[in-house]
C-alpha atoms as a PDB file:
ATOM      1  CA  UNK A   1     -17.319   0.994 196.398  1.00  0.00           C
ATOM      2  CA  UNK A   2     -16.409  -2.208 194.549  1.00  0.00           C
ATOM      3  CA  UNK A   3     -14.760  -3.797 197.601  1.00  0.00           C
ATOM      4  CA  UNK A   4     -17.868  -3.229 199.664  1.00  0.00           C
ATOM      5  CA  UNK A   5     -20.131  -4.737 197.014  1.00  0.00           C
ATOM      6  CA  UNK A   6     -17.819  -7.743 196.621  1.00  0.00           C
ATOM      7  CA  UNK A   7     -17.932  -8.504 200.350  1.00  0.00           C
ATOM      8  CA  UNK A   8     -21.653  -7.861 200.803  1.00  0.00           C
ATOM      9  CA  UNK A   9     -22.618 -10.166 197.946  1.00  0.00           C
ATOM     10  CA  UNK A  10     -21.024 -13.063 199.861  1.00  0.00           C
ATOM     11  CA  UNK A  11     -23.563 -12.596 202.641  1.00  0.00           C
ATOM     12  CA  UNK A  12     -26.746 -14.638 202.746  1.00  0.00           C
ATOM     13  CA  UNK A  13     -29.903 -13.123 201.262  1.00  0.00           C
ATOM     14  CA  UNK A  14     -31.289 -12.694 204.772  1.00  0.00           C
ATOM     15  CA  UNK A  15     -28.154 -10.865 205.991  1.00  0.00           C
ATOM     16  CA  UNK A  16     -28.153  -8.563 202.948  1.00  0.00           C
ATOM     17  CA  UNK A  17     -31.834  -7.815 203.555  1.00  0.00           C
ATOM     18  CA  UNK A  18     -31.165  -7.119 207.244  1.00  0.00           C
ATOM     19  CA  UNK A  19     -28.373  -4.682 206.383  1.00  0.00           C
ATOM     20  CA  UNK A  20     -30.574  -2.972 203.789  1.00  0.00           C
ATOM     21  CA  UNK A  21     -33.408  -2.594 206.302  1.00  0.00           C
ATOM     22  CA  UNK A  22     -31.044  -1.181 208.952  1.00  0.00           C
ATOM     23  CA  UNK A  23     -29.732   1.406 206.486  1.00  0.00           C
ATOM     24  CA  UNK A  24     -33.231   2.338 205.300  1.00  0.00           C
ATOM     25  CA  UNK A  25     -34.656   2.704 208.809  1.00  0.00           C
ATOM     26  CA  UNK A  26     -31.585   4.642 209.970  1.00  0.00           C
ATOM     27  CA  UNK A  27     -30.320   2.093 212.511  1.00  0.00           C
ATOM     28  CA  UNK A  28     -26.946   2.192 210.777  1.00  0.00           C
ATOM     29  CA  UNK A  29     -25.584   4.564 208.204  1.00  0.00           C
ATOM     30  CA  UNK A  30     -23.922   3.617 204.920  1.00  0.00           C
ATOM     31  CA  UNK A  31     -20.590   4.790 206.378  1.00  0.00           C
ATOM     32  CA  UNK A  32     -20.961   2.227 209.179  1.00  0.00           C
ATOM     33  CA  UNK A  33     -21.480  -0.541 206.628  1.00  0.00           C
ATOM     34  CA  UNK A  34     -18.431   0.583 204.636  1.00  0.00           C
ATOM     35  CA  UNK A  35     -16.252   0.686 207.776  1.00  0.00           C
ATOM     36  CA  UNK A  36     -17.470  -2.760 208.826  1.00  0.00           C
ATOM     37  CA  UNK A  37     -16.677  -4.215 205.403  1.00  0.00           C
ATOM     38  CA  UNK A  38     -13.203  -2.683 205.500  1.00  0.00           C
ATOM     39  CA  UNK A  39     -12.604  -4.129 208.960  1.00  0.00           C
ATOM     40  CA  UNK A  40     -13.718  -7.567 207.802  1.00  0.00           C
ATOM     41  CA  UNK A  41     -11.362  -7.416 204.805  1.00  0.00           C
ATOM     42  CA  UNK A  42      -8.459  -6.393 207.047  1.00  0.00           C
ATOM     43  CA  UNK A  43      -9.168  -9.118 209.579  1.00  0.00           C
ATOM     44  CA  UNK A  44      -9.569 -11.965 207.097  1.00  0.00           C
ATOM     45  CA  UNK A  45      -6.705 -10.996 204.769  1.00  0.00           C
ATOM     46  CA  UNK A  46      -4.228  -9.688 207.342  1.00  0.00           C
ATOM     47  CA  UNK A  47      -3.592  -6.632 205.163  1.00  0.00           C
ATOM     48  CA  UNK A  48      -5.037  -3.199 204.647  1.00  0.00           C
ATOM     49  CA  UNK A  49      -8.496  -3.645 203.208  1.00  0.00           C
ATOM     50  CA  UNK A  50      -7.609  -2.347 199.744  1.00  0.00           C
ATOM     51  CA  UNK A  51      -4.500  -4.534 199.536  1.00  0.00           C
ATOM     52  CA  UNK A  52      -6.474  -7.634 200.475  1.00  0.00           C
ATOM     53  CA  UNK A  53      -9.212  -6.737 198.013  1.00  0.00           C
ATOM     54  CA  UNK A  54      -6.691  -6.176 195.203  1.00  0.00           C
ATOM     55  CA  UNK A  55      -4.966  -9.498 195.875  1.00  0.00           C
ATOM     56  CA  UNK A  56      -8.311 -11.296 195.928  1.00  0.00           C
ATOM     57  CA  UNK A  57      -9.256  -9.668 192.611  1.00  0.00           C
ATOM     58  CA  UNK A  58      -5.858 -10.493 191.117  1.00  0.00           C
ATOM     59  CA  UNK A  59      -6.301 -14.132 192.107  1.00  0.00           C
ATOM     60  CA  UNK A  60      -9.412 -14.388 189.931  1.00  0.00           C
ATOM     61  CA  UNK A  61      -7.558 -13.494 186.742  1.00  0.00           C
ATOM     62  CA  UNK A  62      -7.555 -16.639 184.605  1.00  0.00           C
ATOM     63  CA  UNK A  63      -3.794 -17.125 184.452  1.00  0.00           C
ATOM     64  CA  UNK A  64      -3.312 -16.442 188.163  1.00  0.00           C
ATOM     65  CA  UNK A  65      -6.179 -18.728 189.116  1.00  0.00           C
ATOM     66  CA  UNK A  66      -4.749 -21.415 186.854  1.00  0.00           C
ATOM     67  CA  UNK A  67      -1.315 -21.182 188.489  1.00  0.00           C
ATOM     68  CA  UNK A  68      -2.803 -21.239 191.974  1.00  0.00           C
ATOM     69  CA  UNK A  69      -4.940 -24.252 191.081  1.00  0.00           C
ATOM     70  CA  UNK A  70      -1.994 -26.124 189.540  1.00  0.00           C
ATOM     71  CA  UNK A  71      -0.002 -25.370 192.708  1.00  0.00           C
ATOM     72  CA  UNK A  72      -2.747 -27.090 194.693  1.00  0.00           C
ATOM     73  CA  UNK A  73      -4.048 -23.960 196.417  1.00  0.00           C
ATOM     74  CA  UNK A  74      -7.732 -24.693 196.971  1.00  0.00           C
ATOM     75  CA  UNK A  75      -9.835 -21.632 197.879  1.00  0.00           C
ATOM     76  CA  UNK A  76     -12.377 -23.846 199.643  1.00  0.00           C
ATOM     77  CA  UNK A  77      -9.713 -25.185 202.000  1.00  0.00           C
ATOM     78  CA  UNK A  78      -7.679 -21.997 202.552  1.00  0.00           C
ATOM     79  CA  UNK A  79      -8.417 -18.848 204.467  1.00  0.00           C
ATOM     80  CA  UNK A  80      -8.541 -15.481 202.711  1.00  0.00           C
ATOM     81  CA  UNK A  81      -5.239 -14.736 204.471  1.00  0.00           C
ATOM     82  CA  UNK A  82      -3.595 -17.811 202.944  1.00  0.00           C
ATOM     83  CA  UNK A  83      -5.183 -17.182 199.544  1.00  0.00           C
ATOM     84  CA  UNK A  84      -3.817 -13.611 199.508  1.00  0.00           C
ATOM     85  CA  UNK A  85      -0.397 -14.860 200.582  1.00  0.00           C
ATOM     86  CA  UNK A  86      -0.404 -17.410 197.747  1.00  0.00           C
ATOM     87  CA  UNK A  87      -1.472 -14.744 195.247  1.00  0.00           C
ATOM     88  CA  UNK A  88       1.248 -12.388 196.490  1.00  0.00           C
ATOM     89  CA  UNK A  89       3.835 -15.180 196.187  1.00  0.00           C
ATOM     90  CA  UNK A  90       2.672 -15.954 192.656  1.00  0.00           C
ATOM     91  CA  UNK A  91       3.039 -12.347 191.521  1.00  0.00           C
ATOM     92  CA  UNK A  92       6.410 -11.788 193.183  1.00  0.00           C
ATOM     93  CA  UNK A  93       8.102 -15.188 192.871  1.00  0.00           C
ATOM     94  CA  UNK A  94      10.387 -14.206 189.978  1.00  0.00           C
ATOM     95  CA  UNK A  95      10.733 -10.535 190.914  1.00  0.00           C
ATOM     96  CA  UNK A  96      14.044  -9.054 191.923  1.00  0.00           C
ATOM     97  CA  UNK A  97      14.127  -6.681 194.903  1.00  0.00           C
ATOM     98  CA  UNK A  98      13.348  -3.621 192.819  1.00  0.00           C
ATOM     99  CA  UNK A  99      10.395  -5.260 191.076  1.00  0.00           C
ATOM    100  CA  UNK A 100       9.047  -6.568 194.380  1.00  0.00           C
ATOM    101  CA  UNK A 101       9.320  -3.112 195.954  1.00  0.00           C
ATOM    102  CA  UNK A 102       7.464  -1.623 192.989  1.00  0.00           C
ATOM    103  CA  UNK A 103       4.748  -4.274 193.301  1.00  0.00           C
ATOM    104  CA  UNK A 104       4.485  -3.642 197.060  1.00  0.00           C
ATOM    105  CA  UNK A 105       4.233   0.091 196.499  1.00  0.00           C
ATOM    106  CA  UNK A 106       1.521  -0.223 193.850  1.00  0.00           C
ATOM    107  CA  UNK A 107      -0.395  -2.633 196.072  1.00  0.00           C
ATOM    108  CA  UNK A 108      -0.163  -0.236 199.008  1.00  0.00           C
ATOM    109  CA  UNK A 109      -1.643   2.826 197.270  1.00  0.00           C
ATOM    110  CA  UNK A 110      -5.162   3.362 198.628  1.00  0.00           C
ATOM    111  CA  UNK A 111      -8.045   3.814 196.211  1.00  0.00           C
ATOM    112  CA  UNK A 112      -9.231   7.280 195.280  1.00  0.00           C
ATOM    113  CA  UNK A 113     -11.004   8.871 198.204  1.00  0.00           C
ATOM    114  CA  UNK A 114      -9.096   6.883 200.832  1.00  0.00           C
ATOM    115  CA  UNK A 115      -5.725   8.612 200.568  1.00  0.00           C
ATOM    116  CA  UNK A 116      -5.876   9.646 204.227  1.00  0.00           C
ATOM    117  CA  UNK A 117      -5.921   5.961 205.196  1.00  0.00           C
ATOM    118  CA  UNK A 118      -2.381   5.640 203.808  1.00  0.00           C
ATOM    119  CA  UNK A 119      -0.925   6.996 207.028  1.00  0.00           C
ATOM    120  CA  UNK A 120       2.565   7.595 208.314  1.00  0.00           C
ATOM    121  CA  UNK A 121       1.674   5.786 211.548  1.00  0.00           C
ATOM    122  CA  UNK A 122       1.482   2.570 209.536  1.00  0.00           C
ATOM    123  CA  UNK A 123       4.948   3.006 208.086  1.00  0.00           C
ATOM    124  CA  UNK A 124       4.174   4.915 204.894  1.00  0.00           C
ATOM    125  CA  UNK A 125       6.802   7.607 205.179  1.00  0.00           C
ATOM    126  CA  UNK A 126       6.155  10.113 202.343  1.00  0.00           C
ATOM    127  CA  UNK A 127       9.848  11.003 202.097  1.00  0.00           C
ATOM    128  CA  UNK A 128      10.818   7.349 201.754  1.00  0.00           C
ATOM    129  CA  UNK A 129       8.133   6.888 199.113  1.00  0.00           C
ATOM    130  CA  UNK A 130       9.450   9.858 197.124  1.00  0.00           C
ATOM    131  CA  UNK A 131      13.010   8.501 197.291  1.00  0.00           C
ATOM    132  CA  UNK A 132      11.864   5.041 196.196  1.00  0.00           C
ATOM    133  CA  UNK A 133       9.937   6.495 193.260  1.00  0.00           C
ATOM    134  CA  UNK A 134      12.912   8.601 192.242  1.00  0.00           C
ATOM    135  CA  UNK A 135      15.221   5.575 192.303  1.00  0.00           C
ATOM    136  CA  UNK A 136      12.784   3.534 190.191  1.00  0.00           C
ATOM    137  CA  UNK A 137      12.456   6.263 187.586  1.00  0.00           C
ATOM    138  CA  UNK A 138      16.161   7.000 187.458  1.00  0.00           C
ATOM    139  CA  UNK A 139      15.806  10.362 189.188  1.00  0.00           C
END
């Protein structure tokens, strides 16, 4: 639920109040709000919602934020898509192929309760994942 809270707190007080009233009076259900937040995250970051949220959270770590700032990446002049791309580049810039694949895999794992969203139709082949894990662990 952290991703949803993070996005909703960026809304104006009036918008948050409107959403709260709609949920209370039954105009929309909490599930609708959650789906809408996930869609917004996917649209603005260009990634699955949990990947975008993780990259945004990672970018706020002091060292990461310092590197991004020193590189001239200004969050007030960049889109969430660009900010996530810069964060991804920061975390993978010195990684070899194996380390980058491991980072990509860890980033791609959906949060608890959303495992069904990690679907084969989006390229997450369970057999390929098992083989990749085996190769990383020496199996």
